[in-house]
Protein backbone atom coordinates (compact mmCIF):
# COMPACT_ATOMS: atom_id res chain seq x y z
CA MET A 1 37.01 56.82 166.46
CA LYS A 2 35.04 57.42 163.28
CA ARG A 3 36.61 60.88 163.09
CA ILE A 4 39.94 59.31 162.14
CA GLU A 5 38.32 58.09 158.91
CA THR A 6 36.88 61.50 157.99
CA ILE A 7 40.12 63.26 157.05
CA ARG A 8 40.18 61.72 153.56
CA GLY A 9 36.76 63.17 152.73
CA ALA A 10 37.75 66.51 154.24
CA ARG A 11 40.80 66.59 152.00
CA THR A 12 38.62 65.85 148.97
CA ILE A 13 36.41 68.85 149.80
CA VAL A 14 39.32 71.20 150.50
CA GLU A 15 41.76 70.13 147.79
CA THR A 16 39.55 68.83 144.95
CA CYS A 17 36.20 70.57 145.37
CA ALA A 18 37.28 73.99 146.65
CA GLY A 19 40.77 73.91 145.15
CA VAL A 20 42.28 75.64 148.19
CA LYS A 21 45.75 77.08 147.57
CA ALA A 22 48.52 78.07 149.96
CA GLY A 23 47.95 81.49 151.50
CA GLU A 24 44.21 81.63 150.81
CA SER A 25 41.68 82.56 153.50
CA VAL A 26 39.09 79.84 154.10
CA LEU A 27 36.05 80.84 156.15
CA ILE A 28 34.40 77.80 157.74
CA ILE A 29 30.93 78.78 158.95
CA THR A 30 29.40 76.25 161.30
CA ASP A 31 26.97 76.11 164.19
CA THR A 32 27.02 74.50 167.61
CA ASN A 33 25.67 71.23 166.17
CA MET A 34 28.41 70.78 163.57
CA VAL A 35 31.71 71.84 165.14
CA ASN A 36 33.22 68.35 164.77
CA ILE A 37 32.87 68.53 160.98
CA ALA A 38 34.25 72.07 160.90
CA GLU A 39 37.34 71.10 162.87
CA VAL A 40 38.24 68.28 160.47
CA LEU A 41 37.87 70.69 157.55
CA ALA A 42 40.12 73.20 159.33
CA MET A 43 42.79 70.51 159.68
CA ALA A 44 42.63 69.81 155.94
CA VAL A 45 42.85 73.55 155.17
CA LYS A 46 45.90 73.92 157.42
CA GLU A 47 47.58 71.04 155.56
CA ARG A 48 47.35 73.19 152.41
CA ASP A 49 49.19 76.05 154.13
CA ALA A 50 46.02 78.12 153.87
CA GLU A 51 44.36 80.13 156.65
CA PRO A 52 41.33 78.44 158.28
CA ILE A 53 38.93 80.86 159.99
CA LEU A 54 36.35 79.08 162.13
CA ALA A 55 33.07 80.93 162.82
CA VAL A 56 30.57 79.22 165.13
CA MET A 57 27.02 80.60 165.24
CA ILE A 58 23.82 79.55 166.94
CA PRO A 59 21.83 77.27 164.56
CA ARG A 60 19.39 79.20 162.42
CA LYS A 61 15.72 78.67 163.26
CA GLY A 62 14.97 77.42 159.75
CA HIS A 63 16.48 76.68 156.37
CA SER A 64 17.24 79.81 154.29
CA GLU A 65 17.42 82.12 157.31
CA GLU A 66 20.22 84.65 156.83
CA PRO A 67 23.46 84.25 158.81
CA PRO A 68 24.52 87.07 161.18
CA ALA A 69 25.44 90.26 159.34
CA CYS A 70 29.09 90.10 160.39
CA LEU A 71 29.41 86.62 158.86
CA ALA A 72 27.66 87.75 155.68
CA GLU A 73 30.33 90.43 155.29
CA ALA A 74 33.13 87.96 156.04
CA MET A 75 31.78 85.61 153.36
CA LYS A 76 32.39 88.30 150.74
CA GLU A 77 35.99 88.80 151.85
CA ALA A 78 37.04 85.13 152.01
CA ASP A 79 38.66 83.29 149.11
CA VAL A 80 36.72 80.15 150.04
CA VAL A 81 33.61 79.60 152.16
CA LEU A 82 32.71 76.18 153.61
CA THR A 83 29.32 75.84 155.32
CA PRO A 84 28.94 72.75 157.55
CA VAL A 85 25.70 73.92 159.21
CA SER A 86 22.66 72.07 160.50
CA THR A 87 20.16 74.45 158.86
CA SER A 88 20.87 75.77 155.39
CA ILE A 89 22.23 79.22 154.60
CA THR A 90 22.51 78.33 150.91
CA HIS A 91 19.42 80.09 149.56
CA THR A 92 20.22 83.42 151.20
CA ARG A 93 21.26 86.89 150.11
CA ALA A 94 24.53 86.34 151.98
CA MET A 95 25.45 83.40 149.75
CA LYS A 96 24.36 85.21 146.60
CA GLU A 97 26.44 88.29 147.48
CA ALA A 98 29.47 86.20 148.46
CA ALA A 99 29.45 84.55 145.03
CA ALA A 100 29.03 87.93 143.36
CA ALA A 101 32.10 89.15 145.27
CA GLY A 102 34.14 86.24 143.90
CA SER A 103 34.20 83.78 146.80
CA ARG A 104 34.24 80.06 146.09
CA ALA A 105 31.69 78.30 148.29
CA ILE A 106 31.06 74.67 149.19
CA VAL A 107 27.62 73.97 150.67
CA MET A 108 27.58 71.33 153.43
CA THR A 109 24.16 71.52 155.06
CA ALA A 110 23.41 68.78 157.64
CA PHE A 111 26.70 67.11 156.80
CA THR A 112 27.62 63.99 158.77
CA GLU A 113 30.82 62.14 159.49
CA ASP A 114 29.45 59.27 157.42
CA LEU A 115 29.21 61.57 154.37
CA LEU A 116 32.95 62.23 154.69
CA ILE A 117 33.66 58.49 154.58
CA ARG A 118 31.38 56.84 152.01
CA GLY A 119 28.63 57.45 149.48
CA GLY A 120 28.59 60.46 147.17
CA ILE A 121 31.98 61.75 148.34
CA GLN A 122 33.56 58.74 146.57
CA ALA A 123 32.39 59.89 143.13
CA ASP A 124 34.73 61.02 140.37
CA PHE A 125 33.54 64.63 140.25
CA ARG A 126 35.64 65.53 137.21
CA LYS A 127 34.20 62.61 135.25
CA GLN A 128 30.63 63.66 136.04
CA LYS A 129 31.26 67.35 135.30
CA PRO A 130 30.63 67.22 131.50
CA ILE A 131 27.41 65.23 132.01
CA CYS A 132 26.18 67.75 134.55
CA LEU A 133 27.09 70.68 132.27
CA GLU A 134 25.23 69.10 129.36
CA VAL A 135 22.04 68.61 131.38
CA ALA A 136 22.30 72.21 132.61
CA ARG A 137 22.78 73.41 129.03
CA ARG A 138 19.60 71.65 127.95
CA PHE A 139 17.77 73.11 130.92
CA GLN A 140 18.92 76.58 129.93
CA GLU A 141 17.86 76.24 126.31
CA ALA A 142 14.42 74.79 127.01
CA LYS A 143 11.27 76.88 127.22
CA THR A 144 8.96 74.33 128.82
CA ALA A 145 9.32 71.31 131.08
CA ARG A 146 6.94 68.49 131.95
CA LEU A 147 7.54 66.01 134.76
CA THR A 148 5.66 62.74 135.36
CA SER A 149 6.26 59.72 137.58
CA PRO A 150 4.82 56.26 138.23
CA ALA A 151 3.61 57.48 141.65
CA GLY A 152 1.40 60.09 140.00
CA THR A 153 3.44 63.27 139.52
CA SER A 154 2.16 65.37 136.64
CA LEU A 155 3.70 68.83 136.67
CA SER A 156 4.27 71.33 133.87
CA MET A 157 6.10 74.66 133.96
CA ARG A 158 7.65 77.39 131.80
CA LYS A 159 11.25 78.44 132.11
CA GLU A 160 12.28 80.50 129.10
CA GLY A 161 15.05 82.91 129.99
CA ARG A 162 16.05 81.05 133.15
CA LYS A 163 19.59 79.72 133.50
CA GLY A 164 20.49 76.08 133.91
CA ASN A 165 22.65 75.48 136.99
CA ALA A 166 25.33 72.80 137.11
CA LEU A 167 26.49 71.69 140.58
CA PHE A 168 29.26 69.13 140.21
CA CYS A 169 31.21 69.71 143.43
CA LEU A 170 34.03 71.70 141.81
CA VAL A 171 34.05 75.50 142.13
CA GLU A 172 35.84 78.40 140.49
CA ARG A 173 35.82 82.08 141.46
CA GLY A 174 32.26 83.35 142.04
CA GLU A 175 30.68 79.89 142.14
CA PHE A 176 29.08 77.72 144.80
CA SER A 177 28.28 74.04 144.77
CA THR A 178 26.77 71.46 147.02
CA VAL A 179 28.88 68.45 148.05
CA PRO A 180 28.58 65.52 147.52
CA THR A 181 25.36 65.90 145.55
CA ILE A 182 25.90 66.30 141.82
CA GLU A 183 22.88 67.86 140.16
CA ALA A 184 21.64 70.11 137.38
CA ASN A 185 18.70 72.35 138.13
CA PHE A 186 16.72 75.40 137.11
CA SER A 187 14.16 77.70 138.64
CA PRO A 188 10.87 77.84 136.67
CA LEU A 189 9.21 81.14 135.94
CA GLU A 190 7.19 82.18 138.94
CA GLY A 191 3.49 81.47 138.64
CA THR A 192 3.80 78.96 135.77
CA ALA A 193 3.97 75.56 137.50
CA GLU A 194 0.71 73.59 137.37
CA GLY A 195 -0.27 70.06 138.37
CA LEU A 196 0.58 67.50 141.03
CA ILE A 197 3.82 66.61 142.83
CA VAL A 198 4.02 63.14 144.35
CA ALA A 199 7.17 62.74 146.44
CA ASP A 200 7.85 59.05 147.11
CA ALA A 201 11.60 58.99 147.82
CA SER A 202 12.60 61.53 150.47
CA ILE A 203 11.96 64.91 152.05
CA PRO A 204 15.29 65.34 153.84
CA TYR A 205 14.20 68.10 156.23
CA LEU A 206 12.27 68.47 159.49
CA GLY A 207 13.22 64.94 160.51
CA ILE A 208 11.08 63.49 157.70
CA GLY A 209 13.82 61.74 155.68
CA VAL A 210 13.09 58.66 153.54
CA LEU A 211 9.35 58.53 152.86
CA LYS A 212 7.21 55.71 154.19
CA GLU A 213 4.24 56.79 152.05
CA PRO A 214 3.81 59.35 149.25
CA VAL A 215 3.38 63.05 149.95
CA LYS A 216 1.07 64.71 147.42
CA CYS A 217 1.19 68.45 146.71
CA ARG A 218 -1.37 70.11 144.43
CA VAL A 219 0.09 73.07 142.50
CA LYS A 220 -1.73 76.02 140.95
CA LYS A 221 -0.21 79.14 139.40
CA GLY A 222 3.23 78.29 140.74
CA PHE A 223 2.29 77.63 144.36
CA ILE A 224 1.38 74.57 146.43
CA VAL A 225 -2.27 74.89 147.41
CA GLU A 226 -2.90 71.50 149.04
CA ILE A 227 -0.80 68.83 150.80
CA GLU A 228 -2.04 65.28 151.38
CA GLY A 229 -0.59 62.03 152.74
CA GLY A 230 0.23 60.41 156.05
CA TYR A 231 2.01 61.69 159.14
CA GLN A 232 5.10 62.77 157.16
CA ALA A 233 2.94 64.95 154.91
CA GLU A 234 1.40 66.42 158.05
CA ILE A 235 4.85 67.40 159.36
CA LEU A 236 5.55 69.31 156.14
CA LYS A 237 2.10 70.88 156.09
CA ARG A 238 2.31 72.12 159.69
CA ASP A 239 5.80 73.52 159.24
CA LEU A 240 4.84 75.52 156.16
CA GLU A 241 1.75 76.84 157.92
CA SER A 242 3.90 77.92 160.87
CA ARG A 243 6.10 80.04 158.60
CA LYS A 244 3.21 82.39 157.82
CA ASP A 245 4.97 83.17 154.54
CA PRO A 246 3.06 82.59 151.27
CA ASN A 247 6.36 82.41 149.37
CA SER A 248 7.25 79.20 151.24
CA TYR A 249 4.79 77.43 148.90
CA ASN A 250 6.52 78.69 145.75
CA ILE A 251 7.73 76.10 143.21
CA ALA A 252 11.36 77.19 143.23
CA GLU A 253 13.35 74.47 141.49
CA LEU A 254 13.45 71.34 139.40
CA GLY A 255 16.65 69.35 139.94
CA LEU A 256 18.04 66.11 138.52
CA GLY A 257 20.48 63.94 140.54
CA LEU A 258 23.66 62.88 138.73
CA ASN A 259 25.95 61.25 141.32
CA PRO A 260 26.28 57.48 140.74
CA GLU A 261 27.71 56.97 144.26
CA SER A 262 24.99 58.79 146.22
CA ARG A 263 22.42 56.86 148.27
CA MET A 264 18.89 57.67 149.42
CA THR A 265 19.36 57.82 153.19
CA GLY A 266 17.31 60.82 154.32
CA VAL A 267 20.34 63.14 154.31
CA MET A 268 19.76 66.02 151.91
CA LEU A 269 23.21 66.31 150.35
CA ASP A 270 23.34 62.63 149.43
CA ASP A 271 19.64 62.16 148.56
CA GLU A 272 19.49 64.95 145.99
CA GLY A 273 22.47 63.56 144.13
CA VAL A 274 21.10 60.03 143.65
CA LEU A 275 21.48 59.27 139.96
CA GLY A 276 18.15 59.53 138.14
CA SER A 277 16.22 60.98 141.07
CA VAL A 278 14.31 64.23 140.62
CA HIS A 279 13.59 66.85 143.25
CA ILE A 280 11.20 69.77 143.30
CA GLY A 281 12.43 72.62 145.48
CA ILE A 282 9.93 74.89 147.20
CA GLY A 283 10.37 78.33 148.78
CA SER A 284 13.37 80.56 148.00
CA ASN A 285 14.84 80.61 144.51
CA ILE A 286 17.10 83.69 144.56
CA THR A 287 20.34 81.70 144.29
CA LEU A 288 18.94 79.59 141.45
CA GLY A 289 18.04 82.42 139.09
CA GLY A 290 14.61 83.37 140.44
CA ASN A 291 13.21 86.37 142.27
CA ILE A 292 11.56 84.99 145.42
CA LYS A 293 13.04 85.03 148.93
CA ALA A 294 11.08 82.84 151.32
CA ALA A 295 11.41 81.66 154.91
CA ILE A 296 12.53 78.20 153.76
CA HIS A 297 13.82 76.09 150.89
CA TYR A 298 12.85 72.39 151.03
CA ASP A 299 13.12 69.65 148.42
CA LEU A 300 10.63 66.92 147.57
CA LEU A 301 12.27 63.87 145.95
CA MET A 302 10.80 61.19 143.72
CA TRP A 303 11.79 57.92 142.04
CA GLY A 304 11.46 56.83 138.41
CA ALA A 305 10.42 60.17 136.95
CA THR A 306 10.21 61.07 133.28
CA LEU A 307 11.27 64.60 132.30
CA GLU A 308 10.51 66.26 128.99
CA LEU A 309 12.05 69.52 127.80
CA ASP A 310 10.13 71.15 124.95
CA GLY A 311 8.55 67.75 124.34
CA ARG A 312 11.86 65.86 124.18
CA VAL A 313 12.51 63.20 126.84
CA ILE A 314 15.87 63.58 128.62
CA LEU A 315 14.99 61.33 131.58
CA ASP A 316 12.89 58.21 131.02
CA LYS A 317 11.63 56.50 134.20
CA GLY A 318 14.79 57.51 136.03
CA GLU A 319 17.21 56.71 133.20
CA LEU A 320 19.18 59.58 131.71
CA LYS A 321 18.81 59.80 127.91
CA ILE A 322 21.88 61.92 127.18
């Protein structure tokens, strides 16, 4: 019965976020775990007199694994791409090439029916857009960043020349955005991140979710070299070891959540948008402005962080200073 309530959120994604117009082709890529979400989206697309194309694939083995080649080609031909999938295809060459070809994409990794009903989807995306753009502008102009937190994070990095990305759930031609997370982010220069990451909010992957105790990651020359903590830290550590890919340890992203309606629930697309939260992405960074393709892209979230850009504080203990 919950599905009856999801159509409103589906309409928000199709009409407001993707701006689907009559006659457009809308490719909905899903997997066998997420067909229920894809079908509701297809209904909303059909209401717009657009063409929904449903493509169901086997779930990818891990986040950032490429979709099948035929779907990668279809992504470039579609006007709009929606991706309700259980494992992310966001940080892939397929997504990067689809955007370059002019497709508008909405990222919906691990989406749930609940996300279509309440939480971040209820935000006023247009109202938050200028705030998100301003944070991204400051990210782009900065040369250095320093991140600290009450839990013990102390991380510095260089980023001169890297773009600031604004994801505010509204897309134009050649753009992609997550929904419902609103965030600004950047990818630091490879090899420049140094210090300690202490995630104390969430790692919304691998079944970890909301953290019961901190996960500490030591960083040297842009890569995680040591992971400590309890059983949740051990899950992350073992998964990264199993990838047998050194690039999985790359510090790929620093992101700042900007959605006042998002909640920290252990679901990635809501967690990362929580207003004032900060996440450090690891692994692939090719869709963020970097040069590394890895087997995965995970995010480590923290509460109450302070962020300085070129020595100027823009986030003070979780409170935005813009």
